[in-house]
Amino acid sequence: MNRLARLIESLDEQDLKLIKKDLEAGNIDRLISKKLQEKKETDFNKVCPVCQSQIGEENLTLIFGSEELRKKASFCAFDCLEYFLNRIKEEKKVAREWEDVGAKKRD
């Protein structure tokens, strides 16, 4: 809070009024939330979720999930991406098989 307090102290009256207006309109909250989300995505995608190796500038990124719950994963190489996709296929297959078993028990 000290840095913020020092910043506010250094502003003139016109800037303070503009910031207060943005604060009341919710613009500052949206700006901070957006910046935090960007930081989270940047920090999150530094390690491959399959092999745990560091990811450099060259990577493969997959965006997946339902419309309201998008997820993003970055992979260091094609084989890690392929492994990840195969695991998802296997999990969906097992889930379908369990649904079929449950449906047969109800019959």
PDB file of N, CA and C in Angstrom:
ATOM      1  N   MET A   1       0.827  -1.198   0.000  1.00  0.00           N
ATOM      2  CA  MET A   1       0.000   0.000   0.000  1.00  0.00           C
ATOM      3  C   MET A   1       0.863   1.250   0.000  1.00  0.00           C
ATOM      4  N   ASN A   2       2.084   1.160   0.495  1.00  0.00           N
ATOM      5  CA  ASN A   2       2.959   2.329   0.534  1.00  0.00           C
ATOM      6  C   ASN A   2       3.227   2.887  -0.856  1.00  0.00           C
ATOM      7  N   ARG A   3       3.451   2.004  -1.827  1.00  0.00           N
ATOM      8  CA  ARG A   3       3.703   2.473  -3.198  1.00  0.00           C
ATOM      9  C   ARG A   3       2.485   3.175  -3.757  1.00  0.00           C
ATOM     10  N   LEU A   4       1.308   2.618  -3.496  1.00  0.00           N
ATOM     11  CA  LEU A   4       0.083   3.238  -3.969  1.00  0.00           C
ATOM     12  C   LEU A   4      -0.142   4.582  -3.281  1.00  0.00           C
ATOM     13  N   ALA A   5       0.093   4.640  -1.985  1.00  0.00           N
ATOM     14  CA  ALA A   5      -0.073   5.896  -1.248  1.00  0.00           C
ATOM     15  C   ALA A   5       0.880   6.960  -1.780  1.00  0.00           C
ATOM     16  N   ARG A   6       2.115   6.583  -2.054  1.00  0.00           N
ATOM     17  CA  ARG A   6       3.082   7.546  -2.601  1.00  0.00           C
ATOM     18  C   ARG A   6       2.650   8.026  -3.982  1.00  0.00           C
ATOM     19  N   LEU A   7       2.114   7.117  -4.792  1.00  0.00           N
ATOM     20  CA  LEU A   7       1.638   7.489  -6.120  1.00  0.00           C
ATOM     21  C   LEU A   7       0.492   8.485  -6.010  1.00  0.00           C
ATOM     22  N   ILE A   8      -0.461   8.210  -5.140  1.00  0.00           N
ATOM     23  CA  ILE A   8      -1.605   9.105  -4.965  1.00  0.00           C
ATOM     24  C   ILE A   8      -1.155  10.481  -4.474  1.00  0.00           C
ATOM     25  N   GLU A   9      -0.200  10.492  -3.556  1.00  0.00           N
ATOM     26  CA  GLU A   9       0.329  11.764  -3.049  1.00  0.00           C
ATOM     27  C   GLU A   9       0.957  12.600  -4.150  1.00  0.00           C
ATOM     28  N   SER A  10       1.520  11.956  -5.153  1.00  0.00           N
ATOM     29  CA  SER A  10       2.215  12.687  -6.209  1.00  0.00           C
ATOM     30  C   SER A  10       1.283  13.219  -7.304  1.00  0.00           C
ATOM     31  N   LEU A  11       0.017  12.810  -7.307  1.00  0.00           N
ATOM     32  CA  LEU A  11      -0.920  13.223  -8.349  1.00  0.00           C
ATOM     33  C   LEU A  11      -1.525  14.597  -8.070  1.00  0.00           C
ATOM     34  N   ASP A  12      -1.837  15.299  -9.153  1.00  0.00           N
ATOM     35  CA  ASP A  12      -2.511  16.590  -8.973  1.00  0.00           C
ATOM     36  C   ASP A  12      -4.021  16.367  -8.850  1.00  0.00           C
ATOM     37  N   GLU A  13      -4.752  17.414  -8.574  1.00  0.00           N
ATOM     38  CA  GLU A  13      -6.188  17.323  -8.314  1.00  0.00           C
ATOM     39  C   GLU A  13      -6.958  16.768  -9.506  1.00  0.00           C
ATOM     40  N   GLN A  14      -6.630  17.186 -10.700  1.00  0.00           N
ATOM     41  CA  GLN A  14      -7.335  16.717 -11.900  1.00  0.00           C
ATOM     42  C   GLN A  14      -7.155  15.204 -12.079  1.00  0.00           C
ATOM     43  N   ASP A  15      -5.923  14.704 -11.906  1.00  0.00           N
ATOM     44  CA  ASP A  15      -5.674  13.264 -12.028  1.00  0.00           C
ATOM     45  C   ASP A  15      -6.418  12.484 -10.942  1.00  0.00           C
ATOM     46  N   LEU A  16      -6.457  13.042  -9.732  1.00  0.00           N
ATOM     47  CA  LEU A  16      -7.179  12.374  -8.646  1.00  0.00           C
ATOM     48  C   LEU A  16      -8.676  12.269  -8.954  1.00  0.00           C
ATOM     49  N   LYS A  17      -9.245  13.306  -9.527  1.00  0.00           N
ATOM     50  CA  LYS A  17     -10.670  13.278  -9.889  1.00  0.00           C
ATOM     51  C   LYS A  17     -10.932  12.242 -10.986  1.00  0.00           C
ATOM     52  N   LEU A  18     -10.029  12.168 -11.961  1.00  0.00           N
ATOM     53  CA  LEU A  18     -10.191  11.177 -13.032  1.00  0.00           C
ATOM     54  C   LEU A  18     -10.092   9.760 -12.490  1.00  0.00           C
ATOM     55  N   ILE A  19      -9.144   9.534 -11.604  1.00  0.00           N
ATOM     56  CA  ILE A  19      -8.985   8.195 -11.009  1.00  0.00           C
ATOM     57  C   ILE A  19     -10.202   7.844 -10.163  1.00  0.00           C
ATOM     58  N   LYS A  20     -10.708   8.815  -9.407  1.00  0.00           N
ATOM     59  CA  LYS A  20     -11.891   8.552  -8.587  1.00  0.00           C
ATOM     60  C   LYS A  20     -13.085   8.193  -9.470  1.00  0.00           C
ATOM     61  N   LYS A  21     -13.233   8.881 -10.586  1.00  0.00           N
ATOM     62  CA  LYS A  21     -14.322   8.592 -11.521  1.00  0.00           C
ATOM     63  C   LYS A  21     -14.178   7.172 -12.083  1.00  0.00           C
ATOM     64  N   ASP A  22     -12.960   6.793 -12.462  1.00  0.00           N
ATOM     65  CA  ASP A  22     -12.709   5.436 -12.959  1.00  0.00           C
ATOM     66  C   ASP A  22     -12.979   4.394 -11.880  1.00  0.00           C
ATOM     67  N   LEU A  23     -12.606   4.719 -10.650  1.00  0.00           N
ATOM     68  CA  LEU A  23     -12.832   3.802  -9.531  1.00  0.00           C
ATOM     69  C   LEU A  23     -14.326   3.575  -9.323  1.00  0.00           C
ATOM     70  N   GLU A  24     -15.094   4.644  -9.338  1.00  0.00           N
ATOM     71  CA  GLU A  24     -16.547   4.542  -9.136  1.00  0.00           C
ATOM     72  C   GLU A  24     -17.227   3.802 -10.288  1.00  0.00           C
ATOM     73  N   ALA A  25     -16.689   3.926 -11.484  1.00  0.00           N
ATOM     74  CA  ALA A  25     -17.266   3.251 -12.656  1.00  0.00           C
ATOM     75  C   ALA A  25     -16.855   1.777 -12.738  1.00  0.00           C
ATOM     76  N   GLY A  26     -15.917   1.367 -11.910  1.00  0.00           N
ATOM     77  CA  GLY A  26     -15.462  -0.024 -11.934  1.00  0.00           C
ATOM     78  C   GLY A  26     -14.347  -0.288 -12.922  1.00  0.00           C
ATOM     79  N   ASN A  27     -13.841   0.748 -13.561  1.00  0.00           N
ATOM     80  CA  ASN A  27     -12.790   0.571 -14.562  1.00  0.00           C
ATOM     81  C   ASN A  27     -11.476   0.083 -13.954  1.00  0.00           C
ATOM     82  N   ILE A  28     -11.154   0.555 -12.776  1.00  0.00           N
ATOM     83  CA  ILE A  28      -9.891   0.162 -12.139  1.00  0.00           C
ATOM     84  C   ILE A  28      -9.937  -1.303 -11.745  1.00  0.00           C
ATOM     85  N   ASP A  29     -11.088  -1.741 -11.222  1.00  0.00           N
ATOM     86  CA  ASP A  29     -11.239  -3.157 -10.861  1.00  0.00           C
ATOM     87  C   ASP A  29     -11.056  -4.050 -12.079  1.00  0.00           C
ATOM     88  N   ARG A  30     -11.676  -3.674 -13.198  1.00  0.00           N
ATOM     89  CA  ARG A  30     -11.532  -4.462 -14.432  1.00  0.00           C
ATOM     90  C   ARG A  30     -10.092  -4.460 -14.925  1.00  0.00           C
ATOM     91  N   LEU A  31      -9.440  -3.322 -14.848  1.00  0.00           N
ATOM     92  CA  LEU A  31      -8.049  -3.211 -15.285  1.00  0.00           C
ATOM     93  C   LEU A  31      -7.135  -4.106 -14.447  1.00  0.00           C
ATOM     94  N   ILE A  32      -7.323  -4.076 -13.137  1.00  0.00           N
ATOM     95  CA  ILE A  32      -6.505  -4.907 -12.243  1.00  0.00           C
ATOM     96  C   ILE A  32      -6.802  -6.390 -12.469  1.00  0.00           C
ATOM     97  N   SER A  33      -8.067  -6.738 -12.617  1.00  0.00           N
ATOM     98  CA  SER A  33      -8.436  -8.140 -12.857  1.00  0.00           C
ATOM     99  C   SER A  33      -7.831  -8.646 -14.159  1.00  0.00           C
ATOM    100  N   LYS A  34      -7.877  -7.820 -15.204  1.00  0.00           N
ATOM    101  CA  LYS A  34      -7.310  -8.209 -16.495  1.00  0.00           C
ATOM    102  C   LYS A  34      -5.805  -8.423 -16.383  1.00  0.00           C
ATOM    103  N   LYS A  35      -5.129  -7.523 -15.694  1.00  0.00           N
ATOM    104  CA  LYS A  35      -3.675  -7.630 -15.542  1.00  0.00           C
ATOM    105  C   LYS A  35      -3.307  -8.873 -14.726  1.00  0.00           C
ATOM    106  N   LEU A  36      -4.049  -9.158 -13.665  1.00  0.00           N
ATOM    107  CA  LEU A  36      -3.794 -10.357 -12.864  1.00  0.00           C
ATOM    108  C   LEU A  36      -4.009 -11.626 -13.688  1.00  0.00           C
ATOM    109  N   GLN A  37      -5.041 -11.650 -14.528  1.00  0.00           N
ATOM    110  CA  GLN A  37      -5.297 -12.806 -15.386  1.00  0.00           C
ATOM    111  C   GLN A  37      -4.159 -13.005 -16.374  1.00  0.00           C
ATOM    112  N   GLU A  38      -3.667 -11.908 -16.959  1.00  0.00           N
ATOM    113  CA  GLU A  38      -2.544 -11.999 -17.889  1.00  0.00           C
ATOM    114  C   GLU A  38      -1.308 -12.561 -17.190  1.00  0.00           C
ATOM    115  N   LYS A  39      -1.036 -12.089 -15.975  1.00  0.00           N
ATOM    116  CA  LYS A  39       0.115 -12.594 -15.210  1.00  0.00           C
ATOM    117  C   LYS A  39      -0.050 -14.082 -14.919  1.00  0.00           C
ATOM    118  N   LYS A  40      -1.261 -14.471 -14.541  1.00  0.00           N
ATOM    119  CA  LYS A  40      -1.528 -15.876 -14.227  1.00  0.00           C
ATOM    120  C   LYS A  40      -1.288 -16.754 -15.447  1.00  0.00           C
ATOM    121  N   GLU A  41      -1.778 -16.331 -16.608  1.00  0.00           N
ATOM    122  CA  GLU A  41      -1.597 -17.107 -17.835  1.00  0.00           C
ATOM    123  C   GLU A  41      -0.132 -17.171 -18.230  1.00  0.00           C
ATOM    124  N   THR A  42       0.587 -16.076 -18.093  1.00  0.00           N
ATOM    125  CA  THR A  42       2.004 -16.049 -18.445  1.00  0.00           C
ATOM    126  C   THR A  42       2.799 -16.971 -17.538  1.00  0.00           C
ATOM    127  N   ASP A  43       2.564 -16.888 -16.237  1.00  0.00           N
ATOM    128  CA  ASP A  43       3.299 -17.717 -15.279  1.00  0.00           C
ATOM    129  C   ASP A  43       2.919 -19.182 -15.407  1.00  0.00           C
ATOM    130  N   PHE A  44       1.641 -19.455 -15.673  1.00  0.00           N
ATOM    131  CA  PHE A  44       1.155 -20.826 -15.725  1.00  0.00           C
ATOM    132  C   PHE A  44       1.740 -21.605 -16.888  1.00  0.00           C
ATOM    133  N   ASN A  45       1.937 -20.949 -17.996  1.00  0.00           N
ATOM    134  CA  ASN A  45       2.348 -21.644 -19.203  1.00  0.00           C
ATOM    135  C   ASN A  45       3.858 -21.694 -19.394  1.00  0.00           C
ATOM    136  N   LYS A  46       4.628 -21.711 -18.320  1.00  0.00           N
ATOM    137  CA  LYS A  46       6.074 -21.785 -18.427  1.00  0.00           C
ATOM    138  C   LYS A  46       6.601 -23.210 -18.308  1.00  0.00           C
ATOM    139  N   VAL A  47       5.738 -24.139 -17.887  1.00  0.00           N
ATOM    140  CA  VAL A  47       6.151 -25.530 -17.677  1.00  0.00           C
ATOM    141  C   VAL A  47       5.194 -26.451 -18.428  1.00  0.00           C
ATOM    142  N   CYS A  48       5.762 -27.413 -19.146  1.00  0.00           N
ATOM    143  CA  CYS A  48       4.952 -28.391 -19.878  1.00  0.00           C
ATOM    144  C   CYS A  48       4.190 -29.262 -18.873  1.00  0.00           C
ATOM    145  N   PRO A  49       2.862 -29.408 -19.018  1.00  0.00           N
ATOM    146  CA  PRO A  49       2.100 -30.202 -18.061  1.00  0.00           C
ATOM    147  C   PRO A  49       2.354 -31.704 -18.157  1.00  0.00           C
ATOM    148  N   VAL A  50       2.986 -32.157 -19.226  1.00  0.00           N
ATOM    149  CA  VAL A  50       3.240 -33.587 -19.401  1.00  0.00           C
ATOM    150  C   VAL A  50       4.600 -33.976 -18.830  1.00  0.00           C
ATOM    151  N   CYS A  51       5.655 -33.326 -19.294  1.00  0.00           N
ATOM    152  CA  CYS A  51       7.013 -33.732 -18.894  1.00  0.00           C
ATOM    153  C   CYS A  51       7.659 -32.791 -17.879  1.00  0.00           C
ATOM    154  N   GLN A  52       6.977 -31.705 -17.545  1.00  0.00           N
ATOM    155  CA  GLN A  52       7.439 -30.728 -16.557  1.00  0.00           C
ATOM    156  C   GLN A  52       8.712 -29.977 -16.953  1.00  0.00           C
ATOM    157  N   SER A  53       9.074 -29.985 -18.224  1.00  0.00           N
ATOM    158  CA  SER A  53      10.253 -29.235 -18.659  1.00  0.00           C
ATOM    159  C   SER A  53       9.869 -27.780 -18.902  1.00  0.00           C
ATOM    160  N   GLN A  54      10.855 -26.907 -18.831  1.00  0.00           N
ATOM    161  CA  GLN A  54      10.627 -25.487 -19.067  1.00  0.00           C
ATOM    162  C   GLN A  54      10.236 -25.267 -20.529  1.00  0.00           C
ATOM    163  N   ILE A  55       9.290 -24.370 -20.750  1.00  0.00           N
ATOM    164  CA  ILE A  55       8.836 -24.066 -22.100  1.00  0.00           C
ATOM    165  C   ILE A  55       9.462 -22.752 -22.535  1.00  0.00           C
ATOM    166  N   GLY A  56      10.084 -22.787 -23.697  1.00  0.00           N
ATOM    167  CA  GLY A  56      10.696 -21.584 -24.244  1.00  0.00           C
ATOM    168  C   GLY A  56       9.726 -20.843 -25.149  1.00  0.00           C
ATOM    169  N   GLU A  57      10.261 -20.034 -26.027  1.00  0.00           N
ATOM    170  CA  GLU A  57       9.446 -19.256 -26.958  1.00  0.00           C
ATOM    171  C   GLU A  57       8.726 -20.161 -27.960  1.00  0.00           C
ATOM    172  N   GLU A  58       9.377 -21.259 -28.356  1.00  0.00           N
ATOM    173  CA  GLU A  58       8.770 -22.202 -29.301  1.00  0.00           C
ATOM    174  C   GLU A  58       7.947 -23.207 -28.509  1.00  0.00           C
ATOM    175  N   ASN A  59       6.615 -23.142 -28.640  1.00  0.00           N
ATOM    176  CA  ASN A  59       5.778 -24.101 -27.937  1.00  0.00           C
ATOM    177  C   ASN A  59       4.485 -24.316 -28.699  1.00  0.00           C
ATOM    178  N   LEU A  60       3.742 -25.292 -28.272  1.00  0.00           N
ATOM    179  CA  LEU A  60       2.424 -25.592 -28.832  1.00  0.00           C
ATOM    180  C   LEU A  60       1.392 -25.285 -27.754  1.00  0.00           C
ATOM    181  N   THR A  61       0.358 -24.536 -28.096  1.00  0.00           N
ATOM    182  CA  THR A  61      -0.650 -24.148 -27.117  1.00  0.00           C
ATOM    183  C   THR A  61      -2.004 -24.692 -27.533  1.00  0.00           C
ATOM    184  N   LEU A  62      -2.703 -25.290 -26.571  1.00  0.00           N
ATOM    185  CA  LEU A  62      -4.021 -25.862 -26.795  1.00  0.00           C
ATOM    186  C   LEU A  62      -5.019 -25.127 -25.910  1.00  0.00           C
ATOM    187  N   ILE A  63      -6.085 -24.630 -26.510  1.00  0.00           N
ATOM    188  CA  ILE A  63      -7.173 -24.010 -25.753  1.00  0.00           C
ATOM    189  C   ILE A  63      -8.348 -24.969 -25.852  1.00  0.00           C
ATOM    190  N   PHE A  64      -8.885 -25.386 -24.707  1.00  0.00           N
ATOM    191  CA  PHE A  64      -9.929 -26.405 -24.702  1.00  0.00           C
ATOM    192  C   PHE A  64     -10.913 -26.150 -23.573  1.00  0.00           C
ATOM    193  N   GLY A  65     -11.992 -26.870 -23.586  1.00  0.00           N
ATOM    194  CA  GLY A  65     -13.002 -26.755 -22.538  1.00  0.00           C
ATOM    195  C   GLY A  65     -14.285 -26.160 -23.076  1.00  0.00           C
ATOM    196  N   SER A  66     -15.295 -26.134 -22.227  1.00  0.00           N
ATOM    197  CA  SER A  66     -16.585 -25.580 -22.631  1.00  0.00           C
ATOM    198  C   SER A  66     -16.476 -24.069 -22.785  1.00  0.00           C
ATOM    199  N   GLU A  67     -17.466 -23.486 -23.399  1.00  0.00           N
ATOM    200  CA  GLU A  67     -17.453 -22.042 -23.686  1.00  0.00           C
ATOM    201  C   GLU A  67     -17.273 -21.217 -22.411  1.00  0.00           C
ATOM    202  N   GLU A  68     -17.925 -21.628 -21.345  1.00  0.00           N
ATOM    203  CA  GLU A  68     -17.838 -20.845 -20.110  1.00  0.00           C
ATOM    204  C   GLU A  68     -16.628 -21.187 -19.244  1.00  0.00           C
ATOM    205  N   LEU A  69     -15.927 -22.265 -19.551  1.00  0.00           N
ATOM    206  CA  LEU A  69     -14.767 -22.650 -18.752  1.00  0.00           C
ATOM    207  C   LEU A  69     -13.612 -23.054 -19.665  1.00  0.00           C
ATOM    208  N   ARG A  70     -13.037 -22.085 -20.327  1.00  0.00           N
ATOM    209  CA  ARG A  70     -11.908 -22.338 -21.226  1.00  0.00           C
ATOM    210  C   ARG A  70     -10.647 -22.584 -20.417  1.00  0.00           C
ATOM    211  N   LYS A  71      -9.817 -23.504 -20.899  1.00  0.00           N
ATOM    212  CA  LYS A  71      -8.526 -23.794 -20.292  1.00  0.00           C
ATOM    213  C   LYS A  71      -7.464 -23.672 -21.371  1.00  0.00           C
ATOM    214  N   LYS A  72      -6.253 -23.372 -20.941  1.00  0.00           N
ATOM    215  CA  LYS A  72      -5.153 -23.190 -21.882  1.00  0.00           C
ATOM    216  C   LYS A  72      -3.949 -23.959 -21.356  1.00  0.00           C
ATOM    217  N   ALA A  73      -3.329 -24.748 -22.226  1.00  0.00           N
ATOM    218  CA  ALA A  73      -2.142 -25.503 -21.853  1.00  0.00           C
ATOM    219  C   ALA A  73      -1.098 -25.355 -22.954  1.00  0.00           C
ATOM    220  N   SER A  74       0.149 -25.156 -22.556  1.00  0.00           N
ATOM    221  CA  SER A  74       1.253 -25.057 -23.510  1.00  0.00           C
ATOM    222  C   SER A  74       2.162 -26.261 -23.344  1.00  0.00           C
ATOM    223  N   PHE A  75       2.649 -26.771 -24.467  1.00  0.00           N
ATOM    224  CA  PHE A  75       3.469 -27.979 -24.471  1.00  0.00           C
ATOM    225  C   PHE A  75       4.806 -27.685 -25.125  1.00  0.00           C
ATOM    226  N   CYS A  76       5.846 -28.392 -24.666  1.00  0.00           N
ATOM    227  CA  CYS A  76       7.199 -28.143 -25.168  1.00  0.00           C
ATOM    228  C   CYS A  76       7.436 -28.773 -26.539  1.00  0.00           C
ATOM    229  N   ALA A  77       6.697 -29.833 -26.861  1.00  0.00           N
ATOM    230  CA  ALA A  77       6.909 -30.536 -28.130  1.00  0.00           C
ATOM    231  C   ALA A  77       5.631 -31.260 -28.544  1.00  0.00           C
ATOM    232  N   PHE A  78       5.608 -31.678 -29.796  1.00  0.00           N
ATOM    233  CA  PHE A  78       4.429 -32.338 -30.343  1.00  0.00           C
ATOM    234  C   PHE A  78       4.103 -33.634 -29.603  1.00  0.00           C
ATOM    235  N   ASP A  79       5.115 -34.391 -29.206  1.00  0.00           N
ATOM    236  CA  ASP A  79       4.838 -35.670 -28.540  1.00  0.00           C
ATOM    237  C   ASP A  79       4.132 -35.467 -27.197  1.00  0.00           C
ATOM    238  N   CYS A  80       4.450 -34.387 -26.489  1.00  0.00           N
ATOM    239  CA  CYS A  80       3.760 -34.103 -25.227  1.00  0.00           C
ATOM    240  C   CYS A  80       2.303 -33.706 -25.487  1.00  0.00           C
ATOM    241  N   LEU A  81       2.068 -32.912 -26.522  1.00  0.00           N
ATOM    242  CA  LEU A  81       0.702 -32.542 -26.890  1.00  0.00           C
ATOM    243  C   LEU A  81      -0.090 -33.780 -27.280  1.00  0.00           C
ATOM    244  N   GLU A  82       0.516 -34.643 -28.075  1.00  0.00           N
ATOM    245  CA  GLU A  82      -0.144 -35.870 -28.507  1.00  0.00           C
ATOM    246  C   GLU A  82      -0.477 -36.767 -27.313  1.00  0.00           C
ATOM    247  N   TYR A  83       0.455 -36.911 -26.380  1.00  0.00           N
ATOM    248  CA  TYR A  83       0.218 -37.705 -25.171  1.00  0.00           C
ATOM    249  C   TYR A  83      -0.968 -37.139 -24.386  1.00  0.00           C
ATOM    250  N   PHE A  84      -0.995 -35.818 -24.226  1.00  0.00           N
ATOM    251  CA  PHE A  84      -2.064 -35.150 -23.499  1.00  0.00           C
ATOM    252  C   PHE A  84      -3.422 -35.423 -24.160  1.00  0.00           C
ATOM    253  N   LEU A  85      -3.482 -35.279 -25.480  1.00  0.00           N
ATOM    254  CA  LEU A  85      -4.741 -35.521 -26.196  1.00  0.00           C
ATOM    255  C   LEU A  85      -5.183 -36.977 -26.087  1.00  0.00           C
ATOM    256  N   ASN A  86      -4.244 -37.912 -26.168  1.00  0.00           N
ATOM    257  CA  ASN A  86      -4.585 -39.333 -26.024  1.00  0.00           C
ATOM    258  C   ASN A  86      -5.137 -39.624 -24.639  1.00  0.00           C
ATOM    259  N   ARG A  87      -4.576 -38.982 -23.607  1.00  0.00           N
ATOM    260  CA  ARG A  87      -5.077 -39.178 -22.234  1.00  0.00           C
ATOM    261  C   ARG A  87      -6.510 -38.671 -22.105  1.00  0.00           C
ATOM    262  N   ILE A  88      -6.803 -37.547 -22.731  1.00  0.00           N
ATOM    263  CA  ILE A  88      -8.164 -37.008 -22.696  1.00  0.00           C
ATOM    264  C   ILE A  88      -9.124 -37.983 -23.385  1.00  0.00           C
ATOM    265  N   LYS A  89      -8.717 -38.526 -24.529  1.00  0.00           N
ATOM    266  CA  LYS A  89      -9.550 -39.499 -25.247  1.00  0.00           C
ATOM    267  C   LYS A  89      -9.823 -40.713 -24.365  1.00  0.00           C
ATOM    268  N   GLU A  90      -8.782 -41.210 -23.704  1.00  0.00           N
ATOM    269  CA  GLU A  90      -8.937 -42.386 -22.837  1.00  0.00           C
ATOM    270  C   GLU A  90      -9.894 -42.091 -21.685  1.00  0.00           C
ATOM    271  N   GLU A  91      -9.763 -40.924 -21.074  1.00  0.00           N
ATOM    272  CA  GLU A  91     -10.639 -40.570 -19.958  1.00  0.00           C
ATOM    273  C   GLU A  91     -12.091 -40.469 -20.404  1.00  0.00           C
ATOM    274  N   LYS A  92     -12.325 -39.892 -21.580  1.00  0.00           N
ATOM    275  CA  LYS A  92     -13.696 -39.793 -22.091  1.00  0.00           C
ATOM    276  C   LYS A  92     -14.261 -41.175 -22.394  1.00  0.00           C
ATOM    277  N   LYS A  93     -13.416 -42.070 -22.925  1.00  0.00           N
ATOM    278  CA  LYS A  93     -13.853 -43.433 -23.234  1.00  0.00           C
ATOM    279  C   LYS A  93     -14.248 -44.157 -21.952  1.00  0.00           C
ATOM    280  N   VAL A  94     -13.446 -44.044 -20.920  1.00  0.00           N
ATOM    281  CA  VAL A  94     -13.744 -44.692 -19.638  1.00  0.00           C
ATOM    282  C   VAL A  94     -15.026 -44.116 -19.045  1.00  0.00           C
ATOM    283  N   ALA A  95     -15.195 -42.801 -19.137  1.00  0.00           N
ATOM    284  CA  ALA A  95     -16.408 -42.176 -18.610  1.00  0.00           C
ATOM    285  C   ALA A  95     -17.647 -42.697 -19.336  1.00  0.00           C
ATOM    286  N   ARG A  96     -17.562 -42.844 -20.664  1.00  0.00           N
ATOM    287  CA  ARG A  96     -18.691 -43.376 -21.430  1.00  0.00           C
ATOM    288  C   ARG A  96     -18.996 -44.819 -21.033  1.00  0.00           C
ATOM    289  N   GLU A  97     -17.938 -45.606 -20.821  1.00  0.00           N
ATOM    290  CA  GLU A  97     -18.138 -47.005 -20.423  1.00  0.00           C
ATOM    291  C   GLU A  97     -18.831 -47.083 -19.066  1.00  0.00           C
ATOM    292  N   TRP A  98     -18.452 -46.215 -18.131  1.00  0.00           N
ATOM    293  CA  TRP A  98     -19.094 -46.198 -16.816  1.00  0.00           C
ATOM    294  C   TRP A  98     -20.550 -45.759 -16.929  1.00  0.00           C
ATOM    295  N   GLU A  99     -20.831 -44.824 -17.826  1.00  0.00           N
ATOM    296  CA  GLU A  99     -22.221 -44.408 -18.038  1.00  0.00           C
ATOM    297  C   GLU A  99     -23.034 -45.566 -18.584  1.00  0.00           C
ATOM    298  N   ASP A 100     -22.456 -46.341 -19.501  1.00  0.00           N
ATOM    299  CA  ASP A 100     -23.154 -47.504 -20.073  1.00  0.00           C
ATOM    300  C   ASP A 100     -23.426 -48.548 -18.993  1.00  0.00           C
ATOM    301  N   VAL A 101     -22.447 -48.789 -18.116  1.00  0.00           N
ATOM    302  CA  VAL A 101     -22.638 -49.735 -17.023  1.00  0.00           C
ATOM    303  C   VAL A 101     -23.756 -49.276 -16.099  1.00  0.00           C
ATOM    304  N   GLY A 102     -23.763 -47.983 -15.787  1.00  0.00           N
ATOM    305  CA  GLY A 102     -24.812 -47.428 -14.923  1.00  0.00           C
ATOM    306  C   GLY A 102     -26.185 -47.538 -15.554  1.00  0.00           C
ATOM    307  N   ALA A 103     -26.256 -47.320 -16.861  1.00  0.00           N
ATOM    308  CA  ALA A 103     -27.545 -47.408 -17.569  1.00  0.00           C
ATOM    309  C   ALA A 103     -28.039 -48.855 -17.593  1.00  0.00           C
ATOM    310  N   LYS A 104     -27.141 -49.806 -17.745  1.00  0.00           N
ATOM    311  CA  LYS A 104     -27.543 -51.234 -17.762  1.00  0.00           C
ATOM    312  C   LYS A 104     -28.048 -51.680 -16.407  1.00  0.00           C
ATOM    313  N   LYS A 105     -27.449 -51.170 -15.327  1.00  0.00           N
ATOM    314  CA  LYS A 105     -27.890 -51.540 -13.975  1.00  0.00           C
ATOM    315  C   LYS A 105     -29.295 -51.021 -13.695  1.00  0.00           C
ATOM    316  N   ARG A 106     -29.642 -49.874 -14.251  1.00  0.00           N
ATOM    317  CA  ARG A 106     -30.975 -49.302 -14.036  1.00  0.00           C
ATOM    318  C   ARG A 106     -32.043 -50.053 -14.803  1.00  0.00           C
ATOM    319  N   ASP A 107     -31.644 -50.719 -15.880  1.00  0.00           N
ATOM    320  CA  ASP A 107     -32.621 -51.453 -16.715  1.00  0.00           C
ATOM    321  C   ASP A 107     -33.033 -52.723 -16.093  1.00  0.00           C
TER     322      ASP A 107
END
